[in-house]
Amino acid sequence: MFKQAKSIFFWTLLYKFRRRLSFVAILLSVVLLSQWIYSDIVEYLTLTKNTQYLNIVLPIKWLVIFFNIALSAYLILSLFKGEKREAVKENIEQKSNLEITSREKEFMSRKIRTEAEILLDKN
């Protein structure tokens, strides 16, 4: 029974966040493939005797790796923050759909006097 509940929970989360999780999987696959791409570029540069570009290729490889890992971590960590924002937005929309009573309209149009104006009126 517990295994079934755990499985249902896992698959519903996977279905709910499928777009974001597939994007994370693509980013992580780029990280894994970056070593293969880097070795291919190094081999090409050595064959064409353009080794002066090797000092540019290595930092670019690591920038791609760190950027993809950081973006993946951010997307995974912010996975559940979108639900809170949507819930707040729905709550605001529900409140805006309510009609304002005449008493509330009267208070909204009433001029608010400051304490100084009240004191001046007493004198």
Protein backbone atom coordinates (compact mmCIF):
# COMPACT_ATOMS: atom_id res chain seq x y z
CA MET A 1 0.00 0.00 0.00
CA PHE A 2 2.81 2.41 0.90
CA LYS A 3 4.66 1.62 -2.33
CA GLN A 4 1.57 2.42 -4.37
CA ALA A 5 1.03 5.74 -2.59
CA LYS A 6 4.69 6.64 -3.04
CA SER A 7 4.50 5.71 -6.71
CA ILE A 8 1.37 7.80 -7.27
CA PHE A 9 2.99 10.78 -5.53
CA PHE A 10 6.16 10.45 -7.62
CA TRP A 11 4.33 10.12 -10.95
CA THR A 12 1.98 13.04 -10.25
CA LEU A 13 4.94 15.28 -9.43
CA LEU A 14 6.72 14.07 -12.54
CA TYR A 15 3.64 14.77 -14.67
CA LYS A 16 3.00 18.16 -13.07
CA PHE A 17 6.55 19.44 -13.58
CA ARG A 18 7.34 17.54 -16.79
CA ARG A 19 8.32 20.62 -18.81
CA ARG A 20 10.75 21.95 -16.24
CA LEU A 21 12.20 18.53 -15.47
CA SER A 22 12.75 17.79 -19.15
CA PHE A 23 14.57 21.12 -19.47
CA VAL A 24 16.77 20.17 -16.49
CA ALA A 25 17.49 16.79 -18.10
CA ILE A 26 18.55 18.51 -21.32
CA LEU A 27 20.84 20.87 -19.41
CA LEU A 28 22.45 18.02 -17.49
CA SER A 29 22.92 16.03 -20.69
CA VAL A 30 24.76 19.02 -22.18
CA VAL A 31 27.03 18.95 -19.13
CA LEU A 32 27.73 15.26 -19.68
CA LEU A 33 28.29 15.72 -23.40
CA SER A 34 30.53 18.75 -22.97
CA GLN A 35 33.60 16.57 -22.35
CA TRP A 36 32.95 14.69 -25.59
CA ILE A 37 32.43 17.96 -27.47
CA TYR A 38 35.57 19.44 -25.91
CA SER A 39 37.74 16.46 -26.90
CA ASP A 40 36.35 16.64 -30.44
CA ILE A 41 37.19 20.36 -30.68
CA VAL A 42 40.69 19.80 -29.29
CA GLU A 43 41.29 17.03 -31.80
CA TYR A 44 40.10 19.26 -34.64
CA LEU A 45 42.29 22.17 -33.52
CA THR A 46 45.38 19.97 -33.26
CA LEU A 47 44.75 18.47 -36.71
CA THR A 48 44.39 21.90 -38.28
CA LYS A 49 47.37 23.20 -36.25
CA ASN A 50 45.33 25.98 -34.65
CA THR A 51 46.51 25.27 -31.12
CA GLN A 52 46.49 28.96 -30.17
CA TYR A 53 42.70 28.69 -29.70
CA LEU A 54 43.00 25.95 -27.08
CA ASN A 55 43.37 28.50 -24.27
CA ILE A 56 39.92 29.88 -25.22
CA VAL A 57 38.13 26.54 -25.60
CA LEU A 58 38.83 25.24 -22.08
CA PRO A 59 37.30 28.23 -20.21
CA ILE A 60 34.30 28.16 -22.54
CA LYS A 61 33.78 24.48 -21.74
CA TRP A 62 33.83 25.15 -18.00
CA LEU A 63 31.55 28.16 -18.36
CA VAL A 64 29.01 25.99 -20.17
CA ILE A 65 29.29 23.29 -17.50
CA PHE A 66 28.93 25.67 -14.53
CA PHE A 67 26.13 27.65 -16.15
CA ASN A 68 24.11 24.51 -16.93
CA ILE A 69 24.62 23.07 -13.44
CA ALA A 70 23.67 26.38 -11.79
CA LEU A 71 20.58 26.79 -13.97
CA SER A 72 19.53 23.20 -13.29
CA ALA A 73 19.96 23.68 -9.54
CA TYR A 74 17.92 26.89 -9.65
CA LEU A 75 15.12 25.25 -11.62
CA ILE A 76 14.98 22.30 -9.24
CA LEU A 77 15.09 24.45 -6.11
CA SER A 78 12.42 26.84 -7.39
CA LEU A 79 10.14 24.00 -8.47
CA PHE A 80 7.54 24.57 -5.76
CA LYS A 81 7.72 28.37 -5.53
CA GLY A 82 5.48 28.77 -8.59
CA GLU A 83 2.59 27.11 -6.76
CA LYS A 84 2.65 29.72 -4.01
CA ARG A 85 2.64 32.57 -6.52
CA GLU A 86 -0.27 31.07 -8.42
CA ALA A 87 -2.25 30.56 -5.20
CA VAL A 88 -1.71 34.19 -4.18
CA LYS A 89 -2.70 35.38 -7.67
CA GLU A 90 -5.91 33.31 -7.56
CA ASN A 91 -6.73 34.68 -4.11
CA ILE A 92 -6.29 38.26 -5.36
CA GLU A 93 -8.49 37.56 -8.39
CA GLN A 94 -11.22 36.13 -6.16
CA LYS A 95 -11.14 39.22 -3.96
CA SER A 96 -11.26 41.55 -6.95
CA ASN A 97 -14.34 39.76 -8.27
CA LEU A 98 -16.30 40.62 -5.12
CA GLU A 99 -18.61 43.59 -5.41
CA ILE A 100 -18.06 46.67 -3.28
CA THR A 101 -21.00 47.61 -1.11
CA SER A 102 -22.36 51.16 -0.91
CA ARG A 103 -21.01 51.49 2.63
CA GLU A 104 -17.50 50.61 1.41
CA LYS A 105 -17.84 53.06 -1.49
CA GLU A 106 -18.82 55.76 1.00
CA PHE A 107 -15.71 55.13 3.07
CA MET A 108 -13.54 55.13 -0.03
CA SER A 109 -14.83 58.53 -1.17
CA ARG A 110 -14.75 60.10 2.29
CA LYS A 111 -12.13 62.79 2.88
CA ILE A 112 -9.75 61.76 5.61
CA ARG A 113 -8.92 64.61 7.92
CA THR A 114 -5.62 64.91 9.70
CA GLU A 115 -5.30 65.51 13.42
CA ALA A 116 -4.26 69.10 12.74
CA GLU A 117 -7.46 69.75 10.73
CA ILE A 118 -9.56 68.32 13.56
CA LEU A 119 -7.85 70.61 16.07
CA LEU A 120 -8.34 73.64 13.81
CA ASP A 121 -12.05 72.85 13.45
CA LYS A 122 -12.47 72.75 17.27
CA ASN A 123 -11.05 76.24 17.67
